[in-house]
Amino acid sequence: MPSLPVKNRLKVLRAEHDWSQAELADQLGVARQTIVALEAGKYAPSLPLAFRISRVFSKPVEEIFDADSAE
């Protein structure tokens, strides 16, 4: 079953930290293309990746991702 798109605040949070997509990708241990797809809402992160993103931004997962928008 394909992943449903999930709205997120990644682009805004990344801009607040003045990080490039490549810098965020390096911190998360993923490819820059993964960040591109996440920000575009074309990819829903795995649970472990969502938790890593949460830790990097020091915010709860619920403040970064809006699962209700995917329904």
PDB file of N, CA and C in Angstrom:
ATOM      1  N   MET A   1       0.846  -1.176   0.000  1.00  0.00           N
ATOM      2  CA  MET A   1       0.000   0.000   0.000  1.00  0.00           C
ATOM      3  C   MET A   1       0.896   1.246   0.000  1.00  0.00           C
ATOM      4  N   PRO A   2       0.689   2.149  -0.965  1.00  0.00           N
ATOM      5  CA  PRO A   2       1.540   3.342  -1.016  1.00  0.00           C
ATOM      6  C   PRO A   2       1.279   4.285   0.152  1.00  0.00           C
ATOM      7  N   SER A   3       2.309   5.033   0.504  1.00  0.00           N
ATOM      8  CA  SER A   3       2.177   6.009   1.582  1.00  0.00           C
ATOM      9  C   SER A   3       1.327   7.185   1.129  1.00  0.00           C
ATOM     10  N   LEU A   4       0.484   7.656   2.021  1.00  0.00           N
ATOM     11  CA  LEU A   4      -0.300   8.854   1.741  1.00  0.00           C
ATOM     12  C   LEU A   4       0.565  10.072   2.021  1.00  0.00           C
ATOM     13  N   PRO A   5       0.365  11.137   1.251  1.00  0.00           N
ATOM     14  CA  PRO A   5       1.134  12.350   1.548  1.00  0.00           C
ATOM     15  C   PRO A   5       0.788  12.880   2.939  1.00  0.00           C
ATOM     16  N   VAL A   6       1.760  13.424   3.589  1.00  0.00           N
ATOM     17  CA  VAL A   6       1.576  13.991   4.921  1.00  0.00           C
ATOM     18  C   VAL A   6       2.083  15.418   4.891  1.00  0.00           C
ATOM     19  N   LYS A   7       1.224  16.371   5.221  1.00  0.00           N
ATOM     20  CA  LYS A   7       1.680  17.759   5.282  1.00  0.00           C
ATOM     21  C   LYS A   7       2.650  17.913   6.440  1.00  0.00           C
ATOM     22  N   ASN A   8       3.606  18.802   6.253  1.00  0.00           N
ATOM     23  CA  ASN A   8       4.603  19.002   7.297  1.00  0.00           C
ATOM     24  C   ASN A   8       5.117  20.438   7.262  1.00  0.00           C
ATOM     25  N   ARG A   9       5.860  20.780   8.300  1.00  0.00           N
ATOM     26  CA  ARG A   9       6.439  22.120   8.447  1.00  0.00           C
ATOM     27  C   ARG A   9       7.958  22.106   8.225  1.00  0.00           C
ATOM     28  N   LEU A  10       8.450  21.092   7.541  1.00  0.00           N
ATOM     29  CA  LEU A  10       9.904  20.950   7.395  1.00  0.00           C
ATOM     30  C   LEU A  10      10.562  22.154   6.737  1.00  0.00           C
ATOM     31  N   LYS A  11       9.988  22.639   5.654  1.00  0.00           N
ATOM     32  CA  LYS A  11      10.608  23.759   4.942  1.00  0.00           C
ATOM     33  C   LYS A  11      10.699  24.990   5.835  1.00  0.00           C
ATOM     34  N   VAL A  12       9.637  25.261   6.588  1.00  0.00           N
ATOM     35  CA  VAL A  12       9.618  26.415   7.500  1.00  0.00           C
ATOM     36  C   VAL A  12      10.643  26.227   8.616  1.00  0.00           C
ATOM     37  N   LEU A  13      10.654  25.045   9.232  1.00  0.00           N
ATOM     38  CA  LEU A  13      11.599  24.789  10.321  1.00  0.00           C
ATOM     39  C   LEU A  13      13.040  24.845   9.834  1.00  0.00           C
ATOM     40  N   ARG A  14      13.276  24.303   8.657  1.00  0.00           N
ATOM     41  CA  ARG A  14      14.624  24.322   8.088  1.00  0.00           C
ATOM     42  C   ARG A  14      15.063  25.768   7.840  1.00  0.00           C
ATOM     43  N   ALA A  15      14.161  26.590   7.316  1.00  0.00           N
ATOM     44  CA  ALA A  15      14.478  28.001   7.063  1.00  0.00           C
ATOM     45  C   ALA A  15      14.757  28.740   8.366  1.00  0.00           C
ATOM     46  N   GLU A  16      13.996  28.428   9.420  1.00  0.00           N
ATOM     47  CA  GLU A  16      14.214  29.069  10.717  1.00  0.00           C
ATOM     48  C   GLU A  16      15.620  28.785  11.250  1.00  0.00           C
ATOM     49  N   HIS A  17      16.158  27.624  10.902  1.00  0.00           N
ATOM     50  CA  HIS A  17      17.506  27.246  11.345  1.00  0.00           C
ATOM     51  C   HIS A  17      18.572  27.636  10.321  1.00  0.00           C
ATOM     52  N   ASP A  18      18.138  28.220   9.195  1.00  0.00           N
ATOM     53  CA  ASP A  18      19.043  28.625   8.123  1.00  0.00           C
ATOM     54  C   ASP A  18      19.863  27.442   7.612  1.00  0.00           C
ATOM     55  N   TRP A  19      19.197  26.292   7.437  1.00  0.00           N
ATOM     56  CA  TRP A  19      19.838  25.086   6.930  1.00  0.00           C
ATOM     57  C   TRP A  19      19.414  24.855   5.492  1.00  0.00           C
ATOM     58  N   SER A  20      20.331  24.366   4.686  1.00  0.00           N
ATOM     59  CA  SER A  20      19.996  23.938   3.333  1.00  0.00           C
ATOM     60  C   SER A  20      19.366  22.542   3.419  1.00  0.00           C
ATOM     61  N   GLN A  21      18.785  22.126   2.321  1.00  0.00           N
ATOM     62  CA  GLN A  21      18.233  20.765   2.287  1.00  0.00           C
ATOM     63  C   GLN A  21      19.351  19.753   2.498  1.00  0.00           C
ATOM     64  N   ALA A  22      20.504  20.011   1.930  1.00  0.00           N
ATOM     65  CA  ALA A  22      21.643  19.096   2.079  1.00  0.00           C
ATOM     66  C   ALA A  22      22.119  19.027   3.531  1.00  0.00           C
ATOM     67  N   GLU A  23      22.143  20.173   4.217  1.00  0.00           N
ATOM     68  CA  GLU A  23      22.567  20.174   5.622  1.00  0.00           C
ATOM     69  C   GLU A  23      21.604  19.370   6.492  1.00  0.00           C
ATOM     70  N   LEU A  24      20.306  19.551   6.272  1.00  0.00           N
ATOM     71  CA  LEU A  24      19.327  18.782   7.038  1.00  0.00           C
ATOM     72  C   LEU A  24      19.455  17.304   6.711  1.00  0.00           C
ATOM     73  N   ALA A  25      19.614  16.989   5.445  1.00  0.00           N
ATOM     74  CA  ALA A  25      19.773  15.586   5.038  1.00  0.00           C
ATOM     75  C   ALA A  25      20.978  14.953   5.733  1.00  0.00           C
ATOM     76  N   ASP A  26      22.092  15.670   5.804  1.00  0.00           N
ATOM     77  CA  ASP A  26      23.291  15.159   6.478  1.00  0.00           C
ATOM     78  C   ASP A  26      23.009  14.881   7.951  1.00  0.00           C
ATOM     79  N   GLN A  27      22.310  15.791   8.600  1.00  0.00           N
ATOM     80  CA  GLN A  27      22.001  15.605  10.021  1.00  0.00           C
ATOM     81  C   GLN A  27      21.099  14.394  10.254  1.00  0.00           C
ATOM     82  N   LEU A  28      20.240  14.108   9.278  1.00  0.00           N
ATOM     83  CA  LEU A  28      19.291  13.006   9.426  1.00  0.00           C
ATOM     84  C   LEU A  28      19.815  11.685   8.860  1.00  0.00           C
ATOM     85  N   GLY A  29      20.922  11.752   8.122  1.00  0.00           N
ATOM     86  CA  GLY A  29      21.475  10.541   7.522  1.00  0.00           C
ATOM     87  C   GLY A  29      20.659  10.044   6.342  1.00  0.00           C
ATOM     88  N   VAL A  30      20.092  10.977   5.576  1.00  0.00           N
ATOM     89  CA  VAL A  30      19.309  10.621   4.390  1.00  0.00           C
ATOM     90  C   VAL A  30      19.835  11.416   3.196  1.00  0.00           C
ATOM     91  N   ALA A  31      19.356  11.080   2.016  1.00  0.00           N
ATOM     92  CA  ALA A  31      19.724  11.813   0.808  1.00  0.00           C
ATOM     93  C   ALA A  31      18.961  13.132   0.743  1.00  0.00           C
ATOM     94  N   ARG A  32      19.555  14.119   0.083  1.00  0.00           N
ATOM     95  CA  ARG A  32      18.881  15.404  -0.088  1.00  0.00           C
ATOM     96  C   ARG A  32      17.548  15.220  -0.799  1.00  0.00           C
ATOM     97  N   GLN A  33      17.478  14.256  -1.716  1.00  0.00           N
ATOM     98  CA  GLN A  33      16.238  13.995  -2.447  1.00  0.00           C
ATOM     99  C   GLN A  33      15.107  13.586  -1.501  1.00  0.00           C
ATOM    100  N   THR A  34      15.453  12.958  -0.386  1.00  0.00           N
ATOM    101  CA  THR A  34      14.441  12.589   0.611  1.00  0.00           C
ATOM    102  C   THR A  34      13.840  13.845   1.219  1.00  0.00           C
ATOM    103  N   ILE A  35      14.672  14.836   1.503  1.00  0.00           N
ATOM    104  CA  ILE A  35      14.175  16.099   2.064  1.00  0.00           C
ATOM    105  C   ILE A  35      13.301  16.805   1.040  1.00  0.00           C
ATOM    106  N   VAL A  36      13.722  16.801  -0.222  1.00  0.00           N
ATOM    107  CA  VAL A  36      12.935  17.412  -1.298  1.00  0.00           C
ATOM    108  C   VAL A  36      11.550  16.772  -1.345  1.00  0.00           C
ATOM    109  N   ALA A  37      11.500  15.439  -1.334  1.00  0.00           N
ATOM    110  CA  ALA A  37      10.225  14.723  -1.414  1.00  0.00           C
ATOM    111  C   ALA A  37       9.363  14.967  -0.174  1.00  0.00           C
ATOM    112  N   LEU A  38       9.980  14.999   1.001  1.00  0.00           N
ATOM    113  CA  LEU A  38       9.238  15.272   2.229  1.00  0.00           C
ATOM    114  C   LEU A  38       8.617  16.665   2.197  1.00  0.00           C
ATOM    115  N   GLU A  39       9.419  17.657   1.822  1.00  0.00           N
ATOM    116  CA  GLU A  39       8.935  19.041   1.800  1.00  0.00           C
ATOM    117  C   GLU A  39       7.823  19.225   0.770  1.00  0.00           C
ATOM    118  N   ALA A  40       7.864  18.466  -0.310  1.00  0.00           N
ATOM    119  CA  ALA A  40       6.847  18.563  -1.355  1.00  0.00           C
ATOM    120  C   ALA A  40       5.595  17.761  -1.007  1.00  0.00           C
ATOM    121  N   GLY A  41       5.652  17.010   0.094  1.00  0.00           N
ATOM    122  CA  GLY A  41       4.511  16.190   0.485  1.00  0.00           C
ATOM    123  C   GLY A  41       4.333  14.960  -0.378  1.00  0.00           C
ATOM    124  N   LYS A  42       5.393  14.565  -1.088  1.00  0.00           N
ATOM    125  CA  LYS A  42       5.323  13.397  -1.967  1.00  0.00           C
ATOM    126  C   LYS A  42       5.777  12.112  -1.274  1.00  0.00           C
ATOM    127  N   TYR A  43       6.213  12.246  -0.038  1.00  0.00           N
ATOM    128  CA  TYR A  43       6.773  11.105   0.686  1.00  0.00           C
ATOM    129  C   TYR A  43       6.407  11.241   2.155  1.00  0.00           C
ATOM    130  N   ALA A  44       5.876  10.170   2.714  1.00  0.00           N
ATOM    131  CA  ALA A  44       5.604  10.132   4.149  1.00  0.00           C
ATOM    132  C   ALA A  44       6.785   9.432   4.819  1.00  0.00           C
ATOM    133  N   PRO A  45       7.367  10.051   5.836  1.00  0.00           N
ATOM    134  CA  PRO A  45       8.555   9.455   6.451  1.00  0.00           C
ATOM    135  C   PRO A  45       8.213   8.197   7.234  1.00  0.00           C
ATOM    136  N   SER A  46       9.207   7.336   7.361  1.00  0.00           N
ATOM    137  CA  SER A  46       9.058   6.182   8.245  1.00  0.00           C
ATOM    138  C   SER A  46       8.983   6.710   9.676  1.00  0.00           C
ATOM    139  N   LEU A  47       8.515   5.899  10.577  1.00  0.00           N
ATOM    140  CA  LEU A  47       8.431   6.312  11.969  1.00  0.00           C
ATOM    141  C   LEU A  47       9.808   6.648  12.547  1.00  0.00           C
ATOM    142  N   PRO A  48      10.839   5.822  12.305  1.00  0.00           N
ATOM    143  CA  PRO A  48      12.166   6.189  12.819  1.00  0.00           C
ATOM    144  C   PRO A  48      12.666   7.529  12.263  1.00  0.00           C
ATOM    145  N   LEU A  49      12.411   7.798  10.981  1.00  0.00           N
ATOM    146  CA  LEU A  49      12.841   9.070  10.399  1.00  0.00           C
ATOM    147  C   LEU A  49      12.048  10.225  11.005  1.00  0.00           C
ATOM    148  N   ALA A  50      10.769  10.045  11.207  1.00  0.00           N
ATOM    149  CA  ALA A  50       9.953  11.095  11.831  1.00  0.00           C
ATOM    150  C   ALA A  50      10.487  11.424  13.224  1.00  0.00           C
ATOM    151  N   PHE A  51      10.892  10.414  13.981  1.00  0.00           N
ATOM    152  CA  PHE A  51      11.447  10.662  15.318  1.00  0.00           C
ATOM    153  C   PHE A  51      12.796  11.363  15.240  1.00  0.00           C
ATOM    154  N   ARG A  52      13.633  11.007  14.237  1.00  0.00           N
ATOM    155  CA  ARG A  52      14.922  11.704  14.077  1.00  0.00           C
ATOM    156  C   ARG A  52      14.688  13.171  13.742  1.00  0.00           C
ATOM    157  N   ILE A  53      13.725  13.433  12.866  1.00  0.00           N
ATOM    158  CA  ILE A  53      13.397  14.813  12.509  1.00  0.00           C
ATOM    159  C   ILE A  53      12.927  15.563  13.747  1.00  0.00           C
ATOM    160  N   SER A  54      12.104  14.919  14.550  1.00  0.00           N
ATOM    161  CA  SER A  54      11.602  15.506  15.793  1.00  0.00           C
ATOM    162  C   SER A  54      12.752  15.892  16.719  1.00  0.00           C
ATOM    163  N   ARG A  55      13.728  15.014  16.847  1.00  0.00           N
ATOM    164  CA  ARG A  55      14.876  15.296  17.720  1.00  0.00           C
ATOM    165  C   ARG A  55      15.729  16.433  17.169  1.00  0.00           C
ATOM    166  N   VAL A  56      15.957  16.454  15.849  1.00  0.00           N
ATOM    167  CA  VAL A  56      16.786  17.497  15.241  1.00  0.00           C
ATOM    168  C   VAL A  56      16.189  18.878  15.489  1.00  0.00           C
ATOM    169  N   PHE A  57      14.855  18.982  15.409  1.00  0.00           N
ATOM    170  CA  PHE A  57      14.203  20.269  15.592  1.00  0.00           C
ATOM    171  C   PHE A  57      13.725  20.502  17.032  1.00  0.00           C
ATOM    172  N   SER A  58      13.939  19.526  17.909  1.00  0.00           N
ATOM    173  CA  SER A  58      13.513  19.617  19.314  1.00  0.00           C
ATOM    174  C   SER A  58      12.034  19.975  19.431  1.00  0.00           C
ATOM    175  N   LYS A  59      11.224  19.286  18.617  1.00  0.00           N
ATOM    176  CA  LYS A  59       9.779  19.500  18.631  1.00  0.00           C
ATOM    177  C   LYS A  59       9.085  18.147  18.576  1.00  0.00           C
ATOM    178  N   PRO A  60       7.896  18.058  19.166  1.00  0.00           N
ATOM    179  CA  PRO A  60       7.150  16.805  19.047  1.00  0.00           C
ATOM    180  C   PRO A  60       6.773  16.533  17.592  1.00  0.00           C
ATOM    181  N   VAL A  61       6.669  15.274  17.242  1.00  0.00           N
ATOM    182  CA  VAL A  61       6.303  14.869  15.884  1.00  0.00           C
ATOM    183  C   VAL A  61       5.025  15.579  15.438  1.00  0.00           C
ATOM    184  N   GLU A  62       4.076  15.721  16.359  1.00  0.00           N
ATOM    185  CA  GLU A  62       2.784  16.327  16.026  1.00  0.00           C
ATOM    186  C   GLU A  62       2.904  17.796  15.621  1.00  0.00           C
ATOM    187  N   GLU A  63       3.972  18.474  16.051  1.00  0.00           N
ATOM    188  CA  GLU A  63       4.172  19.866  15.663  1.00  0.00           C
ATOM    189  C   GLU A  63       4.840  19.992  14.300  1.00  0.00           C
ATOM    190  N   ILE A  64       5.366  18.893  13.787  1.00  0.00           N
ATOM    191  CA  ILE A  64       6.059  18.901  12.499  1.00  0.00           C
ATOM    192  C   ILE A  64       5.177  18.329  11.398  1.00  0.00           C
ATOM    193  N   PHE A  65       4.498  17.229  11.707  1.00  0.00           N
ATOM    194  CA  PHE A  65       3.676  16.530  10.723  1.00  0.00           C
ATOM    195  C   PHE A  65       2.208  16.628  11.068  1.00  0.00           C
ATOM    196  N   ASP A  66       1.381  16.768  10.031  1.00  0.00           N
ATOM    197  CA  ASP A  66      -0.068  16.834  10.213  1.00  0.00           C
ATOM    198  C   ASP A  66      -0.691  15.611   9.555  1.00  0.00           C
ATOM    199  N   ALA A  67      -0.838  14.545  10.326  1.00  0.00           N
ATOM    200  CA  ALA A  67      -1.369  13.290   9.794  1.00  0.00           C
ATOM    201  C   ALA A  67      -2.839  13.428   9.389  1.00  0.00           C
ATOM    202  N   ASP A  68      -3.577  14.313  10.026  1.00  0.00           N
ATOM    203  CA  ASP A  68      -4.992  14.482   9.703  1.00  0.00           C
ATOM    204  C   ASP A  68      -5.201  14.965   8.276  1.00  0.00           C
ATOM    205  N   SER A  69      -4.251  15.678   7.740  1.00  0.00           N
ATOM    206  CA  SER A  69      -4.392  16.206   6.383  1.00  0.00           C
ATOM    207  C   SER A  69      -4.309  15.118   5.332  1.00  0.00           C
ATOM    208  N   ALA A  70      -3.811  13.947   5.707  1.00  0.00           N
ATOM    209  CA  ALA A  70      -3.646  12.849   4.739  1.00  0.00           C
ATOM    210  C   ALA A  70      -4.917  12.023   4.603  1.00  0.00           C
ATOM    211  N   GLU A  71      -5.876  12.246   5.431  1.00  0.00           N
ATOM    212  CA  GLU A  71      -7.098  11.433   5.392  1.00  0.00           C
ATOM    213  C   GLU A  71      -8.106  12.006   4.428  1.00  0.00           C
TER     214      GLU A  71
END
